[in-house]
Amino acid sequence: MASLNMKGPYLLNANSIDRTVESERIGNYALGHNNEDDKFIVNYVGRSDSDVKSRLLYWVDNSARPFFKYSFADSVKDAFEKECRNYHDFNPSDNDIHPDKPEGRTYRCPVCGQ
């Protein structure tokens, strides 16, 4: 069974993000909702190559999804590869395209090679 390997879920609001997520850290996140069995359903996966906290704060006013999960990454490459794996594992309904490579990098998706 696929796992996001992230902390949460937490309410997607500024107060919750400020309390739980450190600033200026590379990382990954998932946005979603809980189903009737209180299981987190992934609607969107993303990453930040510089500050996952500020990226999550952006979504507070730009998303109807009520919950988020997150994790930190040791490098931009690690964050990109995790985003790709999460994208392929969960096929989130709100991700329109495959994750983009980090700016100026030639990394390839570890799942499909894109």
PDB file of N, CA and C in Angstrom:
ATOM      1  N   MET A   1       0.839  -1.179   0.000  1.00  0.00           N
ATOM      2  CA  MET A   1       0.000   0.000   0.000  1.00  0.00           C
ATOM      3  C   MET A   1       0.884   1.242   0.000  1.00  0.00           C
ATOM      4  N   ALA A   2       0.568   2.178  -0.843  1.00  0.00           N
ATOM      5  CA  ALA A   2       1.345   3.413  -0.962  1.00  0.00           C
ATOM      6  C   ALA A   2       1.170   4.284   0.287  1.00  0.00           C
ATOM      7  N   SER A   3       2.233   4.989   0.623  1.00  0.00           N
ATOM      8  CA  SER A   3       2.205   5.907   1.759  1.00  0.00           C
ATOM      9  C   SER A   3       2.857   7.219   1.360  1.00  0.00           C
ATOM     10  N   LEU A   4       2.281   8.315   1.829  1.00  0.00           N
ATOM     11  CA  LEU A   4       2.876   9.625   1.591  1.00  0.00           C
ATOM     12  C   LEU A   4       4.150   9.815   2.408  1.00  0.00           C
ATOM     13  N   ASN A   5       4.253   9.123   3.530  1.00  0.00           N
ATOM     14  CA  ASN A   5       5.358   9.316   4.471  1.00  0.00           C
ATOM     15  C   ASN A   5       5.468  10.794   4.857  1.00  0.00           C
ATOM     16  N   MET A   6       4.351  11.337   5.346  1.00  0.00           N
ATOM     17  CA  MET A   6       4.268  12.736   5.753  1.00  0.00           C
ATOM     18  C   MET A   6       3.583  12.834   7.110  1.00  0.00           C
ATOM     19  N   LYS A   7       3.811  13.960   7.775  1.00  0.00           N
ATOM     20  CA  LYS A   7       3.137  14.261   9.033  1.00  0.00           C
ATOM     21  C   LYS A   7       1.761  14.824   8.733  1.00  0.00           C
ATOM     22  N   GLY A   8       0.804  14.557   9.606  1.00  0.00           N
ATOM     23  CA  GLY A   8      -0.532  15.096   9.456  1.00  0.00           C
ATOM     24  C   GLY A   8      -1.553  13.984   9.362  1.00  0.00           C
ATOM     25  N   PRO A   9      -2.781  14.327   9.054  1.00  0.00           N
ATOM     26  CA  PRO A   9      -3.244  15.585   8.487  1.00  0.00           C
ATOM     27  C   PRO A   9      -3.477  16.670   9.540  1.00  0.00           C
ATOM     28  N   TYR A  10      -3.347  17.903   9.064  1.00  0.00           N
ATOM     29  CA  TYR A  10      -3.610  19.106   9.844  1.00  0.00           C
ATOM     30  C   TYR A  10      -4.611  19.958   9.066  1.00  0.00           C
ATOM     31  N   LEU A  11      -5.339  20.806   9.802  1.00  0.00           N
ATOM     32  CA  LEU A  11      -6.234  21.752   9.138  1.00  0.00           C
ATOM     33  C   LEU A  11      -5.415  22.719   8.289  1.00  0.00           C
ATOM     34  N   LEU A  12      -5.888  22.992   7.090  1.00  0.00           N
ATOM     35  CA  LEU A  12      -5.191  23.915   6.197  1.00  0.00           C
ATOM     36  C   LEU A  12      -5.597  25.345   6.552  1.00  0.00           C
ATOM     37  N   ASN A  13      -4.938  25.890   7.576  1.00  0.00           N
ATOM     38  CA  ASN A  13      -5.133  27.280   7.953  1.00  0.00           C
ATOM     39  C   ASN A  13      -3.813  27.830   8.484  1.00  0.00           C
ATOM     40  N   ALA A  14      -3.693  29.144   8.521  1.00  0.00           N
ATOM     41  CA  ALA A  14      -2.428  29.787   8.894  1.00  0.00           C
ATOM     42  C   ALA A  14      -1.993  29.409  10.306  1.00  0.00           C
ATOM     43  N   ASN A  15      -2.919  29.329  11.218  1.00  0.00           N
ATOM     44  CA  ASN A  15      -2.588  28.992  12.595  1.00  0.00           C
ATOM     45  C   ASN A  15      -1.969  27.595  12.697  1.00  0.00           C
ATOM     46  N   SER A  16      -2.576  26.639  12.043  1.00  0.00           N
ATOM     47  CA  SER A  16      -2.081  25.261  12.059  1.00  0.00           C
ATOM     48  C   SER A  16      -0.709  25.153  11.390  1.00  0.00           C
ATOM     49  N   ILE A  17      -0.537  25.832  10.274  1.00  0.00           N
ATOM     50  CA  ILE A  17       0.744  25.807   9.564  1.00  0.00           C
ATOM     51  C   ILE A  17       1.829  26.458  10.403  1.00  0.00           C
ATOM     52  N   ASP A  18       1.531  27.608  11.009  1.00  0.00           N
ATOM     53  CA  ASP A  18       2.516  28.298  11.860  1.00  0.00           C
ATOM     54  C   ASP A  18       2.955  27.442  13.043  1.00  0.00           C
ATOM     55  N   ARG A  19       2.026  26.671  13.599  1.00  0.00           N
ATOM     56  CA  ARG A  19       2.348  25.830  14.762  1.00  0.00           C
ATOM     57  C   ARG A  19       3.139  24.579  14.400  1.00  0.00           C
ATOM     58  N   THR A  20       2.984  24.069  13.180  1.00  0.00           N
ATOM     59  CA  THR A  20       3.535  22.748  12.878  1.00  0.00           C
ATOM     60  C   THR A  20       4.688  22.707  11.880  1.00  0.00           C
ATOM     61  N   VAL A  21       4.814  23.721  11.028  1.00  0.00           N
ATOM     62  CA  VAL A  21       5.784  23.646   9.933  1.00  0.00           C
ATOM     63  C   VAL A  21       6.886  24.683  10.128  1.00  0.00           C
ATOM     64  N   GLU A  22       8.137  24.232  10.105  1.00  0.00           N
ATOM     65  CA  GLU A  22       9.285  25.141  10.203  1.00  0.00           C
ATOM     66  C   GLU A  22       9.449  25.935   8.912  1.00  0.00           C
ATOM     67  N   SER A  23       9.971  27.147   9.052  1.00  0.00           N
ATOM     68  CA  SER A  23      10.216  28.020   7.896  1.00  0.00           C
ATOM     69  C   SER A  23      11.498  27.636   7.175  1.00  0.00           C
ATOM     70  N   GLU A  24      11.552  28.022   5.900  1.00  0.00           N
ATOM     71  CA  GLU A  24      12.746  27.928   5.073  1.00  0.00           C
ATOM     72  C   GLU A  24      13.328  26.523   4.990  1.00  0.00           C
ATOM     73  N   ARG A  25      12.432  25.545   4.821  1.00  0.00           N
ATOM     74  CA  ARG A  25      12.848  24.157   4.657  1.00  0.00           C
ATOM     75  C   ARG A  25      12.290  23.623   3.338  1.00  0.00           C
ATOM     76  N   ILE A  26      13.127  22.916   2.607  1.00  0.00           N
ATOM     77  CA  ILE A  26      12.707  22.209   1.402  1.00  0.00           C
ATOM     78  C   ILE A  26      11.731  21.124   1.838  1.00  0.00           C
ATOM     79  N   GLY A  27      10.687  20.899   1.050  1.00  0.00           N
ATOM     80  CA  GLY A  27       9.772  19.847   1.458  1.00  0.00           C
ATOM     81  C   GLY A  27       8.661  19.553   0.488  1.00  0.00           C
ATOM     82  N   ASN A  28       7.858  18.597   0.894  1.00  0.00           N
ATOM     83  CA  ASN A  28       6.732  18.109   0.103  1.00  0.00           C
ATOM     84  C   ASN A  28       5.449  18.292   0.899  1.00  0.00           C
ATOM     85  N   TYR A  29       4.335  18.309   0.178  1.00  0.00           N
ATOM     86  CA  TYR A  29       3.046  18.417   0.851  1.00  0.00           C
ATOM     87  C   TYR A  29       1.972  17.736   0.022  1.00  0.00           C
ATOM     88  N   ALA A  30       0.895  17.432   0.707  1.00  0.00           N
ATOM     89  CA  ALA A  30      -0.305  16.905   0.058  1.00  0.00           C
ATOM     90  C   ALA A  30      -1.489  17.675   0.617  1.00  0.00           C
ATOM     91  N   LEU A  31      -2.424  17.994  -0.249  1.00  0.00           N
ATOM     92  CA  LEU A  31      -3.666  18.643   0.155  1.00  0.00           C
ATOM     93  C   LEU A  31      -4.789  17.652  -0.088  1.00  0.00           C
ATOM     94  N   GLY A  32      -5.776  17.661   0.811  1.00  0.00           N
ATOM     95  CA  GLY A  32      -6.863  16.719   0.619  1.00  0.00           C
ATOM     96  C   GLY A  32      -7.984  16.881   1.612  1.00  0.00           C
ATOM     97  N   HIS A  33      -8.757  15.826   1.730  1.00  0.00           N
ATOM     98  CA  HIS A  33      -9.900  15.811   2.636  1.00  0.00           C
ATOM     99  C   HIS A  33      -9.968  14.441   3.297  1.00  0.00           C
ATOM    100  N   ASN A  34     -10.779  14.330   4.337  1.00  0.00           N
ATOM    101  CA  ASN A  34     -11.006  13.042   4.979  1.00  0.00           C
ATOM    102  C   ASN A  34     -12.324  12.465   4.486  1.00  0.00           C
ATOM    103  N   ASN A  35     -12.324  11.162   4.214  1.00  0.00           N
ATOM    104  CA  ASN A  35     -13.562  10.522   3.768  1.00  0.00           C
ATOM    105  C   ASN A  35     -14.428  10.168   4.982  1.00  0.00           C
ATOM    106  N   GLU A  36     -15.519   9.484   4.730  1.00  0.00           N
ATOM    107  CA  GLU A  36     -16.460   9.144   5.815  1.00  0.00           C
ATOM    108  C   GLU A  36     -15.841   8.226   6.866  1.00  0.00           C
ATOM    109  N   ASP A  37     -14.757   7.527   6.518  1.00  0.00           N
ATOM    110  CA  ASP A  37     -14.042   6.676   7.485  1.00  0.00           C
ATOM    111  C   ASP A  37     -12.883   7.416   8.139  1.00  0.00           C
ATOM    112  N   ASP A  38     -12.812   8.725   7.938  1.00  0.00           N
ATOM    113  CA  ASP A  38     -11.778   9.598   8.489  1.00  0.00           C
ATOM    114  C   ASP A  38     -10.390   9.268   7.930  1.00  0.00           C
ATOM    115  N   LYS A  39     -10.356   8.735   6.717  1.00  0.00           N
ATOM    116  CA  LYS A  39      -9.104   8.454   6.019  1.00  0.00           C
ATOM    117  C   LYS A  39      -8.766   9.635   5.122  1.00  0.00           C
ATOM    118  N   PHE A  40      -7.499  10.073   5.159  1.00  0.00           N
ATOM    119  CA  PHE A  40      -7.053  11.197   4.343  1.00  0.00           C
ATOM    120  C   PHE A  40      -7.041  10.792   2.872  1.00  0.00           C
ATOM    121  N   ILE A  41      -7.720  11.571   2.052  1.00  0.00           N
ATOM    122  CA  ILE A  41      -7.779  11.348   0.611  1.00  0.00           C
ATOM    123  C   ILE A  41      -6.944  12.436  -0.063  1.00  0.00           C
ATOM    124  N   VAL A  42      -5.948  12.031  -0.830  1.00  0.00           N
ATOM    125  CA  VAL A  42      -5.032  12.959  -1.495  1.00  0.00           C
ATOM    126  C   VAL A  42      -5.710  13.545  -2.734  1.00  0.00           C
ATOM    127  N   ASN A  43      -5.802  14.880  -2.771  1.00  0.00           N
ATOM    128  CA  ASN A  43      -6.331  15.565  -3.945  1.00  0.00           C
ATOM    129  C   ASN A  43      -5.243  16.265  -4.750  1.00  0.00           C
ATOM    130  N   TYR A  44      -4.126  16.585  -4.088  1.00  0.00           N
ATOM    131  CA  TYR A  44      -3.064  17.347  -4.751  1.00  0.00           C
ATOM    132  C   TYR A  44      -1.747  17.084  -4.032  1.00  0.00           C
ATOM    133  N   VAL A  45      -0.677  16.896  -4.782  1.00  0.00           N
ATOM    134  CA  VAL A  45       0.662  16.804  -4.197  1.00  0.00           C
ATOM    135  C   VAL A  45       1.541  17.893  -4.805  1.00  0.00           C
ATOM    136  N   GLY A  46       2.462  18.394  -3.991  1.00  0.00           N
ATOM    137  CA  GLY A  46       3.364  19.432  -4.456  1.00  0.00           C
ATOM    138  C   GLY A  46       4.633  19.449  -3.637  1.00  0.00           C
ATOM    139  N   ARG A  47       5.486  20.428  -3.942  1.00  0.00           N
ATOM    140  CA  ARG A  47       6.743  20.567  -3.214  1.00  0.00           C
ATOM    141  C   ARG A  47       7.165  22.021  -3.239  1.00  0.00           C
ATOM    142  N   SER A  48       8.092  22.327  -2.366  1.00  0.00           N
ATOM    143  CA  SER A  48       8.765  23.619  -2.412  1.00  0.00           C
ATOM    144  C   SER A  48      10.256  23.353  -2.366  1.00  0.00           C
ATOM    145  N   ASP A  49      10.976  23.970  -3.280  1.00  0.00           N
ATOM    146  CA  ASP A  49      12.428  23.802  -3.327  1.00  0.00           C
ATOM    147  C   ASP A  49      13.139  24.781  -2.401  1.00  0.00           C
ATOM    148  N   SER A  50      12.369  25.580  -1.641  1.00  0.00           N
ATOM    149  CA  SER A  50      12.992  26.547  -0.735  1.00  0.00           C
ATOM    150  C   SER A  50      12.275  26.695   0.598  1.00  0.00           C
ATOM    151  N   ASP A  51      10.924  26.700   0.612  1.00  0.00           N
ATOM    152  CA  ASP A  51      10.195  26.968   1.853  1.00  0.00           C
ATOM    153  C   ASP A  51       8.789  26.374   1.781  1.00  0.00           C
ATOM    154  N   VAL A  52       8.648  25.141   2.248  1.00  0.00           N
ATOM    155  CA  VAL A  52       7.358  24.456   2.168  1.00  0.00           C
ATOM    156  C   VAL A  52       6.306  25.171   3.022  1.00  0.00           C
ATOM    157  N   LYS A  53       6.717  25.821   4.098  1.00  0.00           N
ATOM    158  CA  LYS A  53       5.765  26.547   4.935  1.00  0.00           C
ATOM    159  C   LYS A  53       5.098  27.679   4.144  1.00  0.00           C
ATOM    160  N   SER A  54       5.881  28.491   3.450  1.00  0.00           N
ATOM    161  CA  SER A  54       5.290  29.589   2.688  1.00  0.00           C
ATOM    162  C   SER A  54       4.418  29.066   1.554  1.00  0.00           C
ATOM    163  N   ARG A  55       4.783  27.938   0.981  1.00  0.00           N
ATOM    164  CA  ARG A  55       3.956  27.345  -0.083  1.00  0.00           C
ATOM    165  C   ARG A  55       2.605  26.897   0.482  1.00  0.00           C
ATOM    166  N   LEU A  56       2.622  26.290   1.663  1.00  0.00           N
ATOM    167  CA  LEU A  56       1.364  25.888   2.297  1.00  0.00           C
ATOM    168  C   LEU A  56       0.515  27.107   2.657  1.00  0.00           C
ATOM    169  N   LEU A  57       1.157  28.172   3.134  1.00  0.00           N
ATOM    170  CA  LEU A  57       0.409  29.394   3.456  1.00  0.00           C
ATOM    171  C   LEU A  57      -0.267  29.971   2.212  1.00  0.00           C
ATOM    172  N   TYR A  58       0.365  29.843   1.068  1.00  0.00           N
ATOM    173  CA  TYR A  58      -0.260  30.272  -0.190  1.00  0.00           C
ATOM    174  C   TYR A  58      -1.595  29.549  -0.398  1.00  0.00           C
ATOM    175  N   TRP A  59      -1.625  28.252  -0.106  1.00  0.00           N
ATOM    176  CA  TRP A  59      -2.812  27.455  -0.376  1.00  0.00           C
ATOM    177  C   TRP A  59      -3.976  27.761   0.566  1.00  0.00           C
ATOM    178  N   VAL A  60      -3.706  28.391   1.714  1.00  0.00           N
ATOM    179  CA  VAL A  60      -4.783  28.684   2.665  1.00  0.00           C
ATOM    180  C   VAL A  60      -5.919  29.447   1.985  1.00  0.00           C
ATOM    181  N   ASP A  61      -5.593  30.453   1.200  1.00  0.00           N
ATOM    182  CA  ASP A  61      -6.622  31.249   0.515  1.00  0.00           C
ATOM    183  C   ASP A  61      -6.871  30.815  -0.923  1.00  0.00           C
ATOM    184  N   ASN A  62      -6.197  29.776  -1.367  1.00  0.00           N
ATOM    185  CA  ASN A  62      -6.298  29.368  -2.767  1.00  0.00           C
ATOM    186  C   ASN A  62      -6.677  27.904  -2.951  1.00  0.00           C
ATOM    187  N   SER A  63      -7.284  27.324  -1.932  1.00  0.00           N
ATOM    188  CA  SER A  63      -7.666  25.926  -2.026  1.00  0.00           C
ATOM    189  C   SER A  63      -8.947  25.683  -1.230  1.00  0.00           C
ATOM    190  N   ALA A  64      -9.790  24.821  -1.737  1.00  0.00           N
ATOM    191  CA  ALA A  64     -10.987  24.405  -1.018  1.00  0.00           C
ATOM    192  C   ALA A  64     -10.731  23.133  -0.220  1.00  0.00           C
ATOM    193  N   ARG A  65      -9.519  22.611  -0.308  1.00  0.00           N
ATOM    194  CA  ARG A  65      -9.188  21.374   0.399  1.00  0.00           C
ATOM    195  C   ARG A  65      -8.960  21.713   1.875  1.00  0.00           C
ATOM    196  N   PRO A  66      -9.557  20.977   2.812  1.00  0.00           N
ATOM    197  CA  PRO A  66      -9.495  21.379   4.215  1.00  0.00           C
ATOM    198  C   PRO A  66      -8.267  20.908   5.000  1.00  0.00           C
ATOM    199  N   PHE A  67      -7.500  19.957   4.478  1.00  0.00           N
ATOM    200  CA  PHE A  67      -6.387  19.388   5.240  1.00  0.00           C
ATOM    201  C   PHE A  67      -5.099  19.344   4.421  1.00  0.00           C
ATOM    202  N   PHE A  68      -3.979  19.274   5.152  1.00  0.00           N
ATOM    203  CA  PHE A  68      -2.684  19.087   4.507  1.00  0.00           C
ATOM    204  C   PHE A  68      -1.842  18.113   5.303  1.00  0.00           C
ATOM    205  N   LYS A  69      -0.882  17.529   4.621  1.00  0.00           N
ATOM    206  CA  LYS A  69       0.197  16.750   5.225  1.00  0.00           C
ATOM    207  C   LYS A  69       1.489  17.314   4.664  1.00  0.00           C
ATOM    208  N   TYR A  70       2.608  17.077   5.358  1.00  0.00           N
ATOM    209  CA  TYR A  70       3.877  17.602   4.863  1.00  0.00           C
ATOM    210  C   TYR A  70       5.039  16.754   5.355  1.00  0.00           C
ATOM    211  N   SER A  71       6.179  16.947   4.696  1.00  0.00           N
ATOM    212  CA  SER A  71       7.449  16.362   5.141  1.00  0.00           C
ATOM    213  C   SER A  71       8.568  17.257   4.636  1.00  0.00           C
ATOM    214  N   PHE A  72       9.688  17.192   5.315  1.00  0.00           N
ATOM    215  CA  PHE A  72      10.859  17.936   4.880  1.00  0.00           C
ATOM    216  C   PHE A  72      11.747  17.018   4.052  1.00  0.00           C
ATOM    217  N   ALA A  73      12.564  17.621   3.199  1.00  0.00           N
ATOM    218  CA  ALA A  73      13.488  16.866   2.357  1.00  0.00           C
ATOM    219  C   ALA A  73      14.900  17.387   2.596  1.00  0.00           C
ATOM    220  N   ASP A  74      15.874  16.525   2.382  1.00  0.00           N
ATOM    221  CA  ASP A  74      17.273  16.905   2.569  1.00  0.00           C
ATOM    222  C   ASP A  74      17.832  17.680   1.393  1.00  0.00           C
ATOM    223  N   SER A  75      17.196  17.554   0.229  1.00  0.00           N
ATOM    224  CA  SER A  75      17.702  18.238  -0.965  1.00  0.00           C
ATOM    225  C   SER A  75      16.564  18.479  -1.950  1.00  0.00           C
ATOM    226  N   VAL A  76      16.812  19.350  -2.897  1.00  0.00           N
ATOM    227  CA  VAL A  76      15.845  19.617  -3.966  1.00  0.00           C
ATOM    228  C   VAL A  76      15.579  18.334  -4.749  1.00  0.00           C
ATOM    229  N   LYS A  77      16.615  17.564  -5.007  1.00  0.00           N
ATOM    230  CA  LYS A  77      16.443  16.306  -5.746  1.00  0.00           C
ATOM    231  C   LYS A  77      15.542  15.340  -4.974  1.00  0.00           C
ATOM    232  N   ASP A  78      15.783  15.216  -3.667  1.00  0.00           N
ATOM    233  CA  ASP A  78      14.937  14.330  -2.852  1.00  0.00           C
ATOM    234  C   ASP A  78      13.476  14.774  -2.896  1.00  0.00           C
ATOM    235  N   ALA A  79      13.235  16.087  -2.805  1.00  0.00           N
ATOM    236  CA  ALA A  79      11.860  16.602  -2.839  1.00  0.00           C
ATOM    237  C   ALA A  79      11.209  16.313  -4.194  1.00  0.00           C
ATOM    238  N   PHE A  80      11.935  16.529  -5.272  1.00  0.00           N
ATOM    239  CA  PHE A  80      11.403  16.254  -6.604  1.00  0.00           C
ATOM    240  C   PHE A  80      11.045  14.769  -6.750  1.00  0.00           C
ATOM    241  N   GLU A  81      11.945  13.899  -6.347  1.00  0.00           N
ATOM    242  CA  GLU A  81      11.699  12.467  -6.492  1.00  0.00           C
ATOM    243  C   GLU A  81      10.522  12.001  -5.640  1.00  0.00           C
ATOM    244  N   LYS A  82      10.385  12.552  -4.440  1.00  0.00           N
ATOM    245  CA  LYS A  82       9.246  12.185  -3.591  1.00  0.00           C
ATOM    246  C   LYS A  82       7.946  12.693  -4.203  1.00  0.00           C
ATOM    247  N   GLU A  83       7.958  13.925  -4.725  1.00  0.00           N
ATOM    248  CA  GLU A  83       6.756  14.443  -5.372  1.00  0.00           C
ATOM    249  C   GLU A  83       6.352  13.537  -6.527  1.00  0.00           C
ATOM    250  N   CYS A  84       7.312  13.101  -7.321  1.00  0.00           N
ATOM    251  CA  CYS A  84       7.019  12.195  -8.435  1.00  0.00           C
ATOM    252  C   CYS A  84       6.417  10.885  -7.938  1.00  0.00           C
ATOM    253  N   ARG A  85       7.028  10.289  -6.930  1.00  0.00           N
ATOM    254  CA  ARG A  85       6.492   9.022  -6.411  1.00  0.00           C
ATOM    255  C   ARG A  85       5.070   9.213  -5.879  1.00  0.00           C
ATOM    256  N   ASN A  86       4.840  10.296  -5.129  1.00  0.00           N
ATOM    257  CA  ASN A  86       3.496  10.547  -4.608  1.00  0.00           C
ATOM    258  C   ASN A  86       2.493  10.780  -5.737  1.00  0.00           C
ATOM    259  N   TYR A  87       2.922  11.489  -6.758  1.00  0.00           N
ATOM    260  CA  TYR A  87       2.062  11.744  -7.916  1.00  0.00           C
ATOM    261  C   TYR A  87       1.657  10.416  -8.580  1.00  0.00           C
ATOM    262  N   HIS A  88       2.604   9.543  -8.801  1.00  0.00           N
ATOM    263  CA  HIS A  88       2.303   8.264  -9.448  1.00  0.00           C
ATOM    264  C   HIS A  88       1.540   7.321  -8.522  1.00  0.00           C
ATOM    265  N   ASP A  89       1.862   7.308  -7.228  1.00  0.00           N
ATOM    266  CA  ASP A  89       1.188   6.416  -6.280  1.00  0.00           C
ATOM    267  C   ASP A  89      -0.270   6.793  -6.053  1.00  0.00           C
ATOM    268  N   PHE A  90      -0.561   8.094  -5.994  1.00  0.00           N
ATOM    269  CA  PHE A  90      -1.895   8.534  -5.596  1.00  0.00           C
ATOM    270  C   PHE A  90      -2.735   9.105  -6.734  1.00  0.00           C
ATOM    271  N   ASN A  91      -2.122   9.428  -7.869  1.00  0.00           N
ATOM    272  CA  ASN A  91      -2.847   9.964  -9.012  1.00  0.00           C
ATOM    273  C   ASN A  91      -3.861  11.022  -8.564  1.00  0.00           C
ATOM    274  N   PRO A  92      -3.386  12.088  -7.899  1.00  0.00           N
ATOM    275  CA  PRO A  92      -4.295  13.073  -7.311  1.00  0.00           C
ATOM    276  C   PRO A  92      -5.183  13.744  -8.353  1.00  0.00           C
ATOM    277  N   SER A  93      -6.447  13.879  -8.001  1.00  0.00           N
ATOM    278  CA  SER A  93      -7.441  14.413  -8.929  1.00  0.00           C
ATOM    279  C   SER A  93      -7.162  15.857  -9.344  1.00  0.00           C
ATOM    280  N   ASP A  94      -6.479  16.632  -8.509  1.00  0.00           N
ATOM    281  CA  ASP A  94      -6.265  18.048  -8.811  1.00  0.00           C
ATOM    282  C   ASP A  94      -4.899  18.367  -9.413  1.00  0.00           C
ATOM    283  N   ASN A  95      -4.056  17.374  -9.612  1.00  0.00           N
ATOM    284  CA  ASN A  95      -2.789  17.585 -10.319  1.00  0.00           C
ATOM    285  C   ASN A  95      -3.050  17.389 -11.806  1.00  0.00           C
ATOM    286  N   ASP A  96      -2.947  18.478 -12.561  1.00  0.00           N
ATOM    287  CA  ASP A  96      -3.235  18.402 -13.990  1.00  0.00           C
ATOM    288  C   ASP A  96      -2.074  17.850 -14.814  1.00  0.00           C
ATOM    289  N   ILE A  97      -0.849  18.034 -14.319  1.00  0.00           N
ATOM    290  CA  ILE A  97       0.335  17.617 -15.069  1.00  0.00           C
ATOM    291  C   ILE A  97       1.333  16.938 -14.142  1.00  0.00           C
ATOM    292  N   HIS A  98       2.271  16.239 -14.751  1.00  0.00           N
ATOM    293  CA  HIS A  98       3.373  15.604 -14.030  1.00  0.00           C
ATOM    294  C   HIS A  98       4.192  16.692 -13.328  1.00  0.00           C
ATOM    295  N   PRO A  99       4.759  16.411 -12.160  1.00  0.00           N
ATOM    296  CA  PRO A  99       5.593  17.420 -11.486  1.00  0.00           C
ATOM    297  C   PRO A  99       6.717  17.939 -12.383  1.00  0.00           C
ATOM    298  N   ASP A 100       6.919  19.246 -12.313  1.00  0.00           N
ATOM    299  CA  ASP A 100       8.001  19.887 -13.069  1.00  0.00           C
ATOM    300  C   ASP A 100       9.344  19.627 -12.416  1.00  0.00           C
ATOM    301  N   LYS A 101      10.374  19.550 -13.251  1.00  0.00           N
ATOM    302  CA  LYS A 101      11.740  19.456 -12.725  1.00  0.00           C
ATOM    303  C   LYS A 101      12.083  20.780 -12.047  1.00  0.00           C
ATOM    304  N   PRO A 102      12.931  20.733 -11.033  1.00  0.00           N
ATOM    305  CA  PRO A 102      13.392  21.982 -10.432  1.00  0.00           C
ATOM    306  C   PRO A 102      14.120  22.837 -11.472  1.00  0.00           C
ATOM    307  N   GLU A 103      13.979  24.145 -11.341  1.00  0.00           N
ATOM    308  CA  GLU A 103      14.603  25.094 -12.265  1.00  0.00           C
ATOM    309  C   GLU A 103      16.100  24.818 -12.415  1.00  0.00           C
ATOM    310  N   GLY A 104      16.542  24.691 -13.657  1.00  0.00           N
ATOM    311  CA  GLY A 104      17.954  24.514 -13.958  1.00  0.00           C
ATOM    312  C   GLY A 104      18.502  23.120 -13.687  1.00  0.00           C
ATOM    313  N   ARG A 105      17.649  22.174 -13.372  1.00  0.00           N
ATOM    314  CA  ARG A 105      18.095  20.810 -13.067  1.00  0.00           C
ATOM    315  C   ARG A 105      17.634  19.852 -14.156  1.00  0.00           C
ATOM    316  N   THR A 106      18.356  18.772 -14.315  1.00  0.00           N
ATOM    317  CA  THR A 106      18.024  17.786 -15.345  1.00  0.00           C
ATOM    318  C   THR A 106      17.569  16.458 -14.728  1.00  0.00           C
ATOM    319  N   TYR A 107      17.073  16.490 -13.498  1.00  0.00           N
ATOM    320  CA  TYR A 107      16.610  15.271 -12.845  1.00  0.00           C
ATOM    321  C   TYR A 107      15.502  14.622 -13.665  1.00  0.00           C
ATOM    322  N   ARG A 108      15.414  13.301 -13.528  1.00  0.00           N
ATOM    323  CA  ARG A 108      14.366  12.538 -14.199  1.00  0.00           C
ATOM    324  C   ARG A 108      13.495  11.889 -13.145  1.00  0.00           C
ATOM    325  N   CYS A 109      12.237  11.738 -13.484  1.00  0.00           N
ATOM    326  CA  CYS A 109      11.285  11.066 -12.596  1.00  0.00           C
ATOM    327  C   CYS A 109      11.759   9.650 -12.322  1.00  0.00           C
ATOM    328  N   PRO A 110      11.832   9.240 -11.041  1.00  0.00           N
ATOM    329  CA  PRO A 110      12.286   7.879 -10.730  1.00  0.00           C
ATOM    330  C   PRO A 110      11.252   6.800 -11.093  1.00  0.00           C
ATOM    331  N   VAL A 111      10.045   7.217 -11.431  1.00  0.00           N
ATOM    332  CA  VAL A 111       8.994   6.245 -11.755  1.00  0.00           C
ATOM    333  C   VAL A 111       8.845   6.074 -13.263  1.00  0.00           C
ATOM    334  N   CYS A 112       8.703   7.182 -13.998  1.00  0.00           N
ATOM    335  CA  CYS A 112       8.411   7.075 -15.439  1.00  0.00           C
ATOM    336  C   CYS A 112       9.546   7.599 -16.317  1.00  0.00           C
ATOM    337  N   GLY A 113      10.562   8.200 -15.723  1.00  0.00           N
ATOM    338  CA  GLY A 113      11.697   8.703 -16.489  1.00  0.00           C
ATOM    339  C   GLY A 113      11.498  10.068 -17.128  1.00  0.00           C
ATOM    340  N   GLN A 114      10.337  10.646 -16.947  1.00  0.00           N
ATOM    341  CA  GLN A 114      10.051  11.963 -17.546  1.00  0.00           C
ATOM    342  C   GLN A 114      10.929  13.054 -16.946  1.00  0.00           C
TER     343      GLN A 114
END
